[in-house]
Amino acid sequence: SGDFEEFIYLISHDVRNSVRALIELP
């Protein structure tokens, strides 16, 4: 559904900011 798609987009976008830091940490 459109609501679930928007939820996926927002969560994925925000979580990826933290993941970028985790990629650099090692």
mmCIF file of all heavy atoms, coordinates in Angstrom:
data_MODEL
# 
_entry.id   MODEL 
# 
loop_
_atom_site.group_PDB 
_atom_site.id 
_atom_site.type_symbol 
_atom_site.label_atom_id 
_atom_site.label_alt_id 
_atom_site.label_comp_id 
_atom_site.label_asym_id 
_atom_site.label_entity_id 
_atom_site.label_seq_id 
_atom_site.pdbx_PDB_ins_code 
_atom_site.Cartn_x 
_atom_site.Cartn_y 
_atom_site.Cartn_z 
_atom_site.occupancy 
_atom_site.B_iso_or_equiv 
_atom_site.pdbx_formal_charge 
_atom_site.auth_seq_id 
_atom_site.auth_comp_id 
_atom_site.auth_asym_id 
_atom_site.auth_atom_id 
_atom_site.pdbx_PDB_model_num 
ATOM 1   N N   . SER A 1 1  ? 0.832  -1.198 0.000  1.00 0.00 ? 1  SER A N   1 
ATOM 2   C CA  . SER A 1 1  ? 0.000  0.000  0.000  1.00 0.00 ? 1  SER A CA  1 
ATOM 3   C C   . SER A 1 1  ? 0.863  1.242  0.000  1.00 0.00 ? 1  SER A C   1 
ATOM 4   O O   . SER A 1 1  ? 2.041  1.224  0.343  1.00 0.00 ? 1  SER A O   1 
ATOM 5   C CB  . SER A 1 1  ? -0.883 -0.004 1.252  1.00 0.00 ? 1  SER A CB  1 
ATOM 6   O OG  . SER A 1 1  ? -0.093 0.202  2.406  1.00 0.00 ? 1  SER A OG  1 
ATOM 7   N N   . GLY A 1 2  ? 0.252  2.379  -0.392 1.00 0.00 ? 2  GLY A N   1 
ATOM 8   C CA  . GLY A 1 2  ? 0.974  3.640  -0.420 1.00 0.00 ? 2  GLY A CA  1 
ATOM 9   C C   . GLY A 1 2  ? 1.505  4.033  0.949  1.00 0.00 ? 2  GLY A C   1 
ATOM 10  O O   . GLY A 1 2  ? 2.618  4.529  1.061  1.00 0.00 ? 2  GLY A O   1 
ATOM 11  N N   . ASP A 1 3  ? 0.715  3.810  1.996  1.00 0.00 ? 3  ASP A N   1 
ATOM 12  C CA  . ASP A 1 3  ? 1.154  4.148  3.347  1.00 0.00 ? 3  ASP A CA  1 
ATOM 13  C C   . ASP A 1 3  ? 2.381  3.324  3.738  1.00 0.00 ? 3  ASP A C   1 
ATOM 14  O O   . ASP A 1 3  ? 3.334  3.831  4.325  1.00 0.00 ? 3  ASP A O   1 
ATOM 15  C CB  . ASP A 1 3  ? 0.025  3.894  4.348  1.00 0.00 ? 3  ASP A CB  1 
ATOM 16  C CG  . ASP A 1 3  ? -1.070 4.941  4.244  1.00 0.00 ? 3  ASP A CG  1 
ATOM 17  O OD1 . ASP A 1 3  ? -0.924 5.872  3.433  1.00 0.00 ? 3  ASP A OD1 1 
ATOM 18  O OD2 . ASP A 1 3  ? -2.074 4.824  4.977  1.00 0.00 ? 3  ASP A OD2 1 
ATOM 19  N N   . PHE A 1 4  ? 2.352  2.038  3.415  1.00 0.00 ? 4  PHE A N   1 
ATOM 20  C CA  . PHE A 1 4  ? 3.466  1.166  3.782  1.00 0.00 ? 4  PHE A CA  1 
ATOM 21  C C   . PHE A 1 4  ? 4.709  1.520  2.977  1.00 0.00 ? 4  PHE A C   1 
ATOM 22  O O   . PHE A 1 4  ? 5.827  1.483  3.485  1.00 0.00 ? 4  PHE A O   1 
ATOM 23  C CB  . PHE A 1 4  ? 3.077  -0.299 3.562  1.00 0.00 ? 4  PHE A CB  1 
ATOM 24  C CG  . PHE A 1 4  ? 4.001  -1.271 4.246  1.00 0.00 ? 4  PHE A CG  1 
ATOM 25  C CD1 . PHE A 1 4  ? 4.040  -1.359 5.621  1.00 0.00 ? 4  PHE A CD1 1 
ATOM 26  C CD2 . PHE A 1 4  ? 4.836  -2.100 3.489  1.00 0.00 ? 4  PHE A CD2 1 
ATOM 27  C CE1 . PHE A 1 4  ? 4.897  -2.252 6.257  1.00 0.00 ? 4  PHE A CE1 1 
ATOM 28  C CE2 . PHE A 1 4  ? 5.690  -2.994 4.118  1.00 0.00 ? 4  PHE A CE2 1 
ATOM 29  C CZ  . PHE A 1 4  ? 5.721  -3.072 5.498  1.00 0.00 ? 4  PHE A CZ  1 
ATOM 30  N N   . GLU A 1 5  ? 4.515  1.901  1.700  1.00 0.00 ? 5  GLU A N   1 
ATOM 31  C CA  . GLU A 1 5  ? 5.642  2.333  0.877  1.00 0.00 ? 5  GLU A CA  1 
ATOM 32  C C   . GLU A 1 5  ? 6.308  3.564  1.469  1.00 0.00 ? 5  GLU A C   1 
ATOM 33  O O   . GLU A 1 5  ? 7.534  3.672  1.505  1.00 0.00 ? 5  GLU A O   1 
ATOM 34  C CB  . GLU A 1 5  ? 5.161  2.653  -0.544 1.00 0.00 ? 5  GLU A CB  1 
ATOM 35  C CG  . GLU A 1 5  ? 4.900  1.433  -1.385 1.00 0.00 ? 5  GLU A CG  1 
ATOM 36  C CD  . GLU A 1 5  ? 4.464  1.810  -2.781 1.00 0.00 ? 5  GLU A CD  1 
ATOM 37  O OE1 . GLU A 1 5  ? 4.029  2.970  -2.967 1.00 0.00 ? 5  GLU A OE1 1 
ATOM 38  O OE2 . GLU A 1 5  ? 4.556  0.961  -3.666 1.00 0.00 ? 5  GLU A OE2 1 
ATOM 39  N N   . GLU A 1 6  ? 5.496  4.512  1.915  1.00 0.00 ? 6  GLU A N   1 
ATOM 40  C CA  . GLU A 1 6  ? 6.051  5.726  2.506  1.00 0.00 ? 6  GLU A CA  1 
ATOM 41  C C   . GLU A 1 6  ? 6.818  5.398  3.779  1.00 0.00 ? 6  GLU A C   1 
ATOM 42  O O   . GLU A 1 6  ? 7.890  5.953  4.043  1.00 0.00 ? 6  GLU A O   1 
ATOM 43  C CB  . GLU A 1 6  ? 4.931  6.720  2.813  1.00 0.00 ? 6  GLU A CB  1 
ATOM 44  C CG  . GLU A 1 6  ? 5.437  8.051  3.349  1.00 0.00 ? 6  GLU A CG  1 
ATOM 45  C CD  . GLU A 1 6  ? 4.329  9.063  3.562  1.00 0.00 ? 6  GLU A CD  1 
ATOM 46  O OE1 . GLU A 1 6  ? 3.182  8.777  3.161  1.00 0.00 ? 6  GLU A OE1 1 
ATOM 47  O OE2 . GLU A 1 6  ? 4.616  10.122 4.129  1.00 0.00 ? 6  GLU A OE2 1 
ATOM 48  N N   . PHE A 1 7  ? 6.271  4.470  4.560  1.00 0.00 ? 7  PHE A N   1 
ATOM 49  C CA  . PHE A 1 7  ? 6.952  4.034  5.784  1.00 0.00 ? 7  PHE A CA  1 
ATOM 50  C C   . PHE A 1 7  ? 8.305  3.410  5.439  1.00 0.00 ? 7  PHE A C   1 
ATOM 51  O O   . PHE A 1 7  ? 9.324  3.695  6.075  1.00 0.00 ? 7  PHE A O   1 
ATOM 52  C CB  . PHE A 1 7  ? 6.050  3.029  6.515  1.00 0.00 ? 7  PHE A CB  1 
ATOM 53  C CG  . PHE A 1 7  ? 6.633  2.502  7.795  1.00 0.00 ? 7  PHE A CG  1 
ATOM 54  C CD1 . PHE A 1 7  ? 6.685  3.279  8.929  1.00 0.00 ? 7  PHE A CD1 1 
ATOM 55  C CD2 . PHE A 1 7  ? 7.133  1.207  7.853  1.00 0.00 ? 7  PHE A CD2 1 
ATOM 56  C CE1 . PHE A 1 7  ? 7.219  2.791  10.106 1.00 0.00 ? 7  PHE A CE1 1 
ATOM 57  C CE2 . PHE A 1 7  ? 7.671  0.704  9.028  1.00 0.00 ? 7  PHE A CE2 1 
ATOM 58  C CZ  . PHE A 1 7  ? 7.707  1.502  10.165 1.00 0.00 ? 7  PHE A CZ  1 
ATOM 59  N N   . ILE A 1 8  ? 8.333  2.536  4.404  1.00 0.00 ? 8  ILE A N   1 
ATOM 60  C CA  . ILE A 1 8  ? 9.577  1.909  3.971  1.00 0.00 ? 8  ILE A CA  1 
ATOM 61  C C   . ILE A 1 8  ? 10.595 2.978  3.568  1.00 0.00 ? 8  ILE A C   1 
ATOM 62  O O   . ILE A 1 8  ? 11.760 2.931  3.954  1.00 0.00 ? 8  ILE A O   1 
ATOM 63  C CB  . ILE A 1 8  ? 9.318  0.946  2.788  1.00 0.00 ? 8  ILE A CB  1 
ATOM 64  C CG1 . ILE A 1 8  ? 8.545  -0.279 3.261  1.00 0.00 ? 8  ILE A CG1 1 
ATOM 65  C CG2 . ILE A 1 8  ? 10.638 0.516  2.145  1.00 0.00 ? 8  ILE A CG2 1 
ATOM 66  C CD1 . ILE A 1 8  ? 8.105  -1.189 2.122  1.00 0.00 ? 8  ILE A CD1 1 
ATOM 67  N N   . TYR A 1 9  ? 10.128 3.948  2.786  1.00 0.00 ? 9  TYR A N   1 
ATOM 68  C CA  . TYR A 1 9  ? 11.039 4.994  2.303  1.00 0.00 ? 9  TYR A CA  1 
ATOM 69  C C   . TYR A 1 9  ? 11.658 5.781  3.459  1.00 0.00 ? 9  TYR A C   1 
ATOM 70  O O   . TYR A 1 9  ? 12.876 5.976  3.522  1.00 0.00 ? 9  TYR A O   1 
ATOM 71  C CB  . TYR A 1 9  ? 10.296 5.940  1.360  1.00 0.00 ? 9  TYR A CB  1 
ATOM 72  C CG  . TYR A 1 9  ? 11.138 7.124  0.947  1.00 0.00 ? 9  TYR A CG  1 
ATOM 73  C CD1 . TYR A 1 9  ? 12.089 7.009  -0.062 1.00 0.00 ? 9  TYR A CD1 1 
ATOM 74  C CD2 . TYR A 1 9  ? 11.001 8.352  1.593  1.00 0.00 ? 9  TYR A CD2 1 
ATOM 75  C CE1 . TYR A 1 9  ? 12.870 8.088  -0.425 1.00 0.00 ? 9  TYR A CE1 1 
ATOM 76  C CE2 . TYR A 1 9  ? 11.782 9.438  1.236  1.00 0.00 ? 9  TYR A CE2 1 
ATOM 77  C CZ  . TYR A 1 9  ? 12.715 9.297  0.217  1.00 0.00 ? 9  TYR A CZ  1 
ATOM 78  O OH  . TYR A 1 9  ? 13.501 10.361 -0.127 1.00 0.00 ? 9  TYR A OH  1 
ATOM 79  N N   . LEU A 1 10 ? 10.811 6.238  4.368  1.00 0.00 ? 10 LEU A N   1 
ATOM 80  C CA  . LEU A 1 10 ? 11.303 7.078  5.457  1.00 0.00 ? 10 LEU A CA  1 
ATOM 81  C C   . LEU A 1 10 ? 12.251 6.316  6.381  1.00 0.00 ? 10 LEU A C   1 
ATOM 82  O O   . LEU A 1 10 ? 13.309 6.826  6.756  1.00 0.00 ? 10 LEU A O   1 
ATOM 83  C CB  . LEU A 1 10 ? 10.114 7.626  6.249  1.00 0.00 ? 10 LEU A CB  1 
ATOM 84  C CG  . LEU A 1 10 ? 9.229  8.625  5.490  1.00 0.00 ? 10 LEU A CG  1 
ATOM 85  C CD1 . LEU A 1 10 ? 7.963  8.926  6.281  1.00 0.00 ? 10 LEU A CD1 1 
ATOM 86  C CD2 . LEU A 1 10 ? 9.983  9.912  5.198  1.00 0.00 ? 10 LEU A CD2 1 
ATOM 87  N N   . ILE A 1 11 ? 11.879 5.092  6.738  1.00 0.00 ? 11 ILE A N   1 
ATOM 88  C CA  . ILE A 1 11 ? 12.739 4.300  7.623  1.00 0.00 ? 11 ILE A CA  1 
ATOM 89  C C   . ILE A 1 11 ? 14.064 3.979  6.936  1.00 0.00 ? 11 ILE A C   1 
ATOM 90  O O   . ILE A 1 11 ? 15.145 4.123  7.520  1.00 0.00 ? 11 ILE A O   1 
ATOM 91  C CB  . ILE A 1 11 ? 12.020 3.006  8.049  1.00 0.00 ? 11 ILE A CB  1 
ATOM 92  C CG1 . ILE A 1 11 ? 10.850 3.324  8.990  1.00 0.00 ? 11 ILE A CG1 1 
ATOM 93  C CG2 . ILE A 1 11 ? 13.005 2.050  8.734  1.00 0.00 ? 11 ILE A CG2 1 
ATOM 94  C CD1 . ILE A 1 11 ? 11.257 3.954  10.311 1.00 0.00 ? 11 ILE A CD1 1 
ATOM 95  N N   . SER A 1 12 ? 14.002 3.536  5.675  1.00 0.00 ? 12 SER A N   1 
ATOM 96  C CA  . SER A 1 12 ? 15.222 3.156  4.955  1.00 0.00 ? 12 SER A CA  1 
ATOM 97  C C   . SER A 1 12 ? 16.153 4.343  4.803  1.00 0.00 ? 12 SER A C   1 
ATOM 98  O O   . SER A 1 12 ? 17.370 4.234  4.975  1.00 0.00 ? 12 SER A O   1 
ATOM 99  C CB  . SER A 1 12 ? 14.870 2.593  3.577  1.00 0.00 ? 12 SER A CB  1 
ATOM 100 O OG  . SER A 1 12 ? 14.055 1.454  3.687  1.00 0.00 ? 12 SER A OG  1 
ATOM 101 N N   . HIS A 1 13 ? 15.583 5.503  4.496  1.00 0.00 ? 13 HIS A N   1 
ATOM 102 C CA  . HIS A 1 13 ? 16.395 6.704  4.303  1.00 0.00 ? 13 HIS A CA  1 
ATOM 103 C C   . HIS A 1 13 ? 17.109 7.093  5.580  1.00 0.00 ? 13 HIS A C   1 
ATOM 104 O O   . HIS A 1 13 ? 18.313 7.372  5.586  1.00 0.00 ? 13 HIS A O   1 
ATOM 105 C CB  . HIS A 1 13 ? 15.494 7.845  3.820  1.00 0.00 ? 13 HIS A CB  1 
ATOM 106 C CG  . HIS A 1 13 ? 16.248 9.090  3.487  1.00 0.00 ? 13 HIS A CG  1 
ATOM 107 N ND1 . HIS A 1 13 ? 16.590 10.031 4.434  1.00 0.00 ? 13 HIS A ND1 1 
ATOM 108 C CD2 . HIS A 1 13 ? 16.745 9.542  2.307  1.00 0.00 ? 13 HIS A CD2 1 
ATOM 109 C CE1 . HIS A 1 13 ? 17.250 11.012 3.859  1.00 0.00 ? 13 HIS A CE1 1 
ATOM 110 N NE2 . HIS A 1 13 ? 17.366 10.745 2.566  1.00 0.00 ? 13 HIS A NE2 1 
ATOM 111 N N   . ASP A 1 14 ? 16.385 7.111  6.690  1.00 0.00 ? 14 ASP A N   1 
ATOM 112 C CA  . ASP A 1 14 ? 16.985 7.535  7.955  1.00 0.00 ? 14 ASP A CA  1 
ATOM 113 C C   . ASP A 1 14 ? 17.976 6.510  8.493  1.00 0.00 ? 14 ASP A C   1 
ATOM 114 O O   . ASP A 1 14 ? 19.053 6.865  8.982  1.00 0.00 ? 14 ASP A O   1 
ATOM 115 C CB  . ASP A 1 14 ? 15.888 7.803  8.998  1.00 0.00 ? 14 ASP A CB  1 
ATOM 116 C CG  . ASP A 1 14 ? 15.173 9.125  8.736  1.00 0.00 ? 14 ASP A CG  1 
ATOM 117 O OD1 . ASP A 1 14 ? 15.506 9.770  7.727  1.00 0.00 ? 14 ASP A OD1 1 
ATOM 118 O OD2 . ASP A 1 14 ? 14.295 9.500  9.529  1.00 0.00 ? 14 ASP A OD2 1 
ATOM 119 N N   . VAL A 1 15 ? 17.618 5.222  8.410  1.00 0.00 ? 15 VAL A N   1 
ATOM 120 C CA  . VAL A 1 15 ? 18.518 4.182  8.921  1.00 0.00 ? 15 VAL A CA  1 
ATOM 121 C C   . VAL A 1 15 ? 19.812 4.163  8.121  1.00 0.00 ? 15 VAL A C   1 
ATOM 122 O O   . VAL A 1 15 ? 20.899 3.921  8.655  1.00 0.00 ? 15 VAL A O   1 
ATOM 123 C CB  . VAL A 1 15 ? 17.828 2.804  8.885  1.00 0.00 ? 15 VAL A CB  1 
ATOM 124 C CG1 . VAL A 1 15 ? 18.823 1.691  9.191  1.00 0.00 ? 15 VAL A CG1 1 
ATOM 125 C CG2 . VAL A 1 15 ? 16.692 2.761  9.901  1.00 0.00 ? 15 VAL A CG2 1 
ATOM 126 N N   . ARG A 1 16 ? 19.724 4.448  6.809  1.00 0.00 ? 16 ARG A N   1 
ATOM 127 C CA  . ARG A 1 16 ? 20.930 4.390  5.980  1.00 0.00 ? 16 ARG A CA  1 
ATOM 128 C C   . ARG A 1 16 ? 21.955 5.430  6.412  1.00 0.00 ? 16 ARG A C   1 
ATOM 129 O O   . ARG A 1 16 ? 23.166 5.223  6.251  1.00 0.00 ? 16 ARG A O   1 
ATOM 130 C CB  . ARG A 1 16 ? 20.566 4.583  4.506  1.00 0.00 ? 16 ARG A CB  1 
ATOM 131 C CG  . ARG A 1 16 ? 21.723 4.166  3.617  1.00 0.00 ? 16 ARG A CG  1 
ATOM 132 C CD  . ARG A 1 16 ? 21.413 4.154  2.155  1.00 0.00 ? 16 ARG A CD  1 
ATOM 133 N NE  . ARG A 1 16 ? 22.594 3.726  1.454  1.00 0.00 ? 16 ARG A NE  1 
ATOM 134 C CZ  . ARG A 1 16 ? 23.094 4.323  0.387  1.00 0.00 ? 16 ARG A CZ  1 
ATOM 135 N NH1 . ARG A 1 16 ? 22.482 5.383  -0.118 1.00 0.00 ? 16 ARG A NH1 1 
ATOM 136 N NH2 . ARG A 1 16 ? 24.182 3.873  -0.198 1.00 0.00 ? 16 ARG A NH2 1 
ATOM 137 N N   . ASN A 1 17 ? 21.513 6.553  6.955  1.00 0.00 ? 17 ASN A N   1 
ATOM 138 C CA  . ASN A 1 17 ? 22.465 7.542  7.446  1.00 0.00 ? 17 ASN A CA  1 
ATOM 139 C C   . ASN A 1 17 ? 23.346 6.948  8.542  1.00 0.00 ? 17 ASN A C   1 
ATOM 140 O O   . ASN A 1 17 ? 24.552 7.198  8.587  1.00 0.00 ? 17 ASN A O   1 
ATOM 141 C CB  . ASN A 1 17 ? 21.727 8.769  7.987  1.00 0.00 ? 17 ASN A CB  1 
ATOM 142 C CG  . ASN A 1 17 ? 21.077 9.577  6.875  1.00 0.00 ? 17 ASN A CG  1 
ATOM 143 O OD1 . ASN A 1 17 ? 21.549 9.578  5.749  1.00 0.00 ? 17 ASN A OD1 1 
ATOM 144 N ND2 . ASN A 1 17 ? 19.983 10.256 7.188  1.00 0.00 ? 17 ASN A ND2 1 
ATOM 145 N N   . SER A 1 18 ? 22.746 6.150  9.413  1.00 0.00 ? 18 SER A N   1 
ATOM 146 C CA  . SER A 1 18 ? 23.520 5.499  10.474 1.00 0.00 ? 18 SER A CA  1 
ATOM 147 C C   . SER A 1 18 ? 24.395 4.381  9.911  1.00 0.00 ? 18 SER A C   1 
ATOM 148 O O   . SER A 1 18 ? 25.522 4.169  10.363 1.00 0.00 ? 18 SER A O   1 
ATOM 149 C CB  . SER A 1 18 ? 22.580 4.928  11.538 1.00 0.00 ? 18 SER A CB  1 
ATOM 150 O OG  . SER A 1 18 ? 21.841 5.957  12.170 1.00 0.00 ? 18 SER A OG  1 
ATOM 151 N N   . VAL A 1 19 ? 23.881 3.675  8.917  1.00 0.00 ? 19 VAL A N   1 
ATOM 152 C CA  . VAL A 1 19 ? 24.644 2.579  8.328  1.00 0.00 ? 19 VAL A CA  1 
ATOM 153 C C   . VAL A 1 19 ? 25.909 3.100  7.658  1.00 0.00 ? 19 VAL A C   1 
ATOM 154 O O   . VAL A 1 19 ? 26.962 2.457  7.701  1.00 0.00 ? 19 VAL A O   1 
ATOM 155 C CB  . VAL A 1 19 ? 23.776 1.788  7.324  1.00 0.00 ? 19 VAL A CB  1 
ATOM 156 C CG1 . VAL A 1 19 ? 24.610 0.789  6.533  1.00 0.00 ? 19 VAL A CG1 1 
ATOM 157 C CG2 . VAL A 1 19 ? 22.679 1.044  8.066  1.00 0.00 ? 19 VAL A CG2 1 
ATOM 158 N N   . ARG A 1 20 ? 25.822 4.278  7.041  1.00 0.00 ? 20 ARG A N   1 
ATOM 159 C CA  . ARG A 1 20 ? 27.020 4.851  6.414  1.00 0.00 ? 20 ARG A CA  1 
ATOM 160 C C   . ARG A 1 20 ? 28.135 5.027  7.446  1.00 0.00 ? 20 ARG A C   1 
ATOM 161 O O   . ARG A 1 20 ? 29.316 4.801  7.158  1.00 0.00 ? 20 ARG A O   1 
ATOM 162 C CB  . ARG A 1 20 ? 26.682 6.195  5.773  1.00 0.00 ? 20 ARG A CB  1 
ATOM 163 C CG  . ARG A 1 20 ? 25.819 6.085  4.522  1.00 0.00 ? 20 ARG A CG  1 
ATOM 164 C CD  . ARG A 1 20 ? 25.836 7.392  3.753  1.00 0.00 ? 20 ARG A CD  1 
ATOM 165 N NE  . ARG A 1 20 ? 24.853 7.391  2.687  1.00 0.00 ? 20 ARG A NE  1 
ATOM 166 C CZ  . ARG A 1 20 ? 23.685 8.013  2.735  1.00 0.00 ? 20 ARG A CZ  1 
ATOM 167 N NH1 . ARG A 1 20 ? 23.336 8.660  3.837  1.00 0.00 ? 20 ARG A NH1 1 
ATOM 168 N NH2 . ARG A 1 20 ? 22.853 7.963  1.718  1.00 0.00 ? 20 ARG A NH2 1 
ATOM 169 N N   . ALA A 1 21 ? 27.758 5.446  8.647  1.00 0.00 ? 21 ALA A N   1 
ATOM 170 C CA  . ALA A 1 21 ? 28.758 5.601  9.711  1.00 0.00 ? 21 ALA A CA  1 
ATOM 171 C C   . ALA A 1 21 ? 29.326 4.244  10.117 1.00 0.00 ? 21 ALA A C   1 
ATOM 172 O O   . ALA A 1 21 ? 30.531 4.106  10.366 1.00 0.00 ? 21 ALA A O   1 
ATOM 173 C CB  . ALA A 1 21 ? 28.133 6.294  10.916 1.00 0.00 ? 21 ALA A CB  1 
ATOM 174 N N   . LEU A 1 22 ? 28.470 3.229  10.163 1.00 0.00 ? 22 LEU A N   1 
ATOM 175 C CA  . LEU A 1 22 ? 28.936 1.886  10.526 1.00 0.00 ? 22 LEU A CA  1 
ATOM 176 C C   . LEU A 1 22 ? 29.868 1.311  9.469  1.00 0.00 ? 22 LEU A C   1 
ATOM 177 O O   . LEU A 1 22 ? 30.776 0.531  9.781  1.00 0.00 ? 22 LEU A O   1 
ATOM 178 C CB  . LEU A 1 22 ? 27.735 0.951  10.718 1.00 0.00 ? 22 LEU A CB  1 
ATOM 179 C CG  . LEU A 1 22 ? 26.840 1.241  11.922 1.00 0.00 ? 22 LEU A CG  1 
ATOM 180 C CD1 . LEU A 1 22 ? 25.638 0.315  11.929 1.00 0.00 ? 22 LEU A CD1 1 
ATOM 181 C CD2 . LEU A 1 22 ? 27.631 1.084  13.221 1.00 0.00 ? 22 LEU A CD2 1 
ATOM 182 N N   . ILE A 1 23 ? 29.657 1.674  8.208  1.00 0.00 ? 23 ILE A N   1 
ATOM 183 C CA  . ILE A 1 23 ? 30.544 1.212  7.143  1.00 0.00 ? 23 ILE A CA  1 
ATOM 184 C C   . ILE A 1 23 ? 31.943 1.802  7.312  1.00 0.00 ? 23 ILE A C   1 
ATOM 185 O O   . ILE A 1 23 ? 32.958 1.137  7.073  1.00 0.00 ? 23 ILE A O   1 
ATOM 186 C CB  . ILE A 1 23 ? 29.958 1.584  5.762  1.00 0.00 ? 23 ILE A CB  1 
ATOM 187 C CG1 . ILE A 1 23 ? 28.726 0.725  5.475  1.00 0.00 ? 23 ILE A CG1 1 
ATOM 188 C CG2 . ILE A 1 23 ? 30.988 1.410  4.651  1.00 0.00 ? 23 ILE A CG2 1 
ATOM 189 C CD1 . ILE A 1 23 ? 27.990 1.109  4.211  1.00 0.00 ? 23 ILE A CD1 1 
ATOM 190 N N   . GLU A 1 24 ? 32.006 3.060  7.738  1.00 0.00 ? 24 GLU A N   1 
ATOM 191 C CA  . GLU A 1 24 ? 33.299 3.725  7.904  1.00 0.00 ? 24 GLU A CA  1 
ATOM 192 C C   . GLU A 1 24 ? 34.013 3.286  9.180  1.00 0.00 ? 24 GLU A C   1 
ATOM 193 O O   . GLU A 1 24 ? 35.245 3.335  9.249  1.00 0.00 ? 24 GLU A O   1 
ATOM 194 C CB  . GLU A 1 24 ? 33.102 5.235  7.925  1.00 0.00 ? 24 GLU A CB  1 
ATOM 195 C CG  . GLU A 1 24 ? 32.615 5.805  6.597  1.00 0.00 ? 24 GLU A CG  1 
ATOM 196 C CD  . GLU A 1 24 ? 32.346 7.290  6.677  1.00 0.00 ? 24 GLU A CD  1 
ATOM 197 O OE1 . GLU A 1 24 ? 32.331 7.819  7.811  1.00 0.00 ? 24 GLU A OE1 1 
ATOM 198 O OE2 . GLU A 1 24 ? 32.161 7.925  5.624  1.00 0.00 ? 24 GLU A OE2 1 
ATOM 199 N N   . LEU A 1 25 ? 33.260 2.848  10.177 1.00 0.00 ? 25 LEU A N   1 
ATOM 200 C CA  . LEU A 1 25 ? 33.852 2.519  11.470 1.00 0.00 ? 25 LEU A CA  1 
ATOM 201 C C   . LEU A 1 25 ? 34.943 1.449  11.391 1.00 0.00 ? 25 LEU A C   1 
ATOM 202 O O   . LEU A 1 25 ? 36.031 1.636  11.966 1.00 0.00 ? 25 LEU A O   1 
ATOM 203 C CB  . LEU A 1 25 ? 32.748 2.091  12.452 1.00 0.00 ? 25 LEU A CB  1 
ATOM 204 C CG  . LEU A 1 25 ? 33.175 1.825  13.902 1.00 0.00 ? 25 LEU A CG  1 
ATOM 205 C CD1 . LEU A 1 25 ? 33.826 3.076  14.495 1.00 0.00 ? 25 LEU A CD1 1 
ATOM 206 C CD2 . LEU A 1 25 ? 31.974 1.398  14.744 1.00 0.00 ? 25 LEU A CD2 1 
ATOM 207 N N   . PRO A 1 26 ? 34.724 0.304  10.700 1.00 0.00 ? 26 PRO A N   1 
ATOM 208 C CA  . PRO A 1 26 ? 35.806 -0.686 10.613 1.00 0.00 ? 26 PRO A CA  1 
ATOM 209 C C   . PRO A 1 26 ? 37.061 -0.127 9.952  1.00 0.00 ? 26 PRO A C   1 
ATOM 210 O O   . PRO A 1 26 ? 38.174 -0.518 10.305 1.00 0.00 ? 26 PRO A O   1 
ATOM 211 C CB  . PRO A 1 26 ? 35.186 -1.811 9.765  1.00 0.00 ? 26 PRO A CB  1 
ATOM 212 C CG  . PRO A 1 26 ? 33.728 -1.659 9.920  1.00 0.00 ? 26 PRO A CG  1 
ATOM 213 C CD  . PRO A 1 26 ? 33.491 -0.195 10.049 1.00 0.00 ? 26 PRO A CD  1 
# 
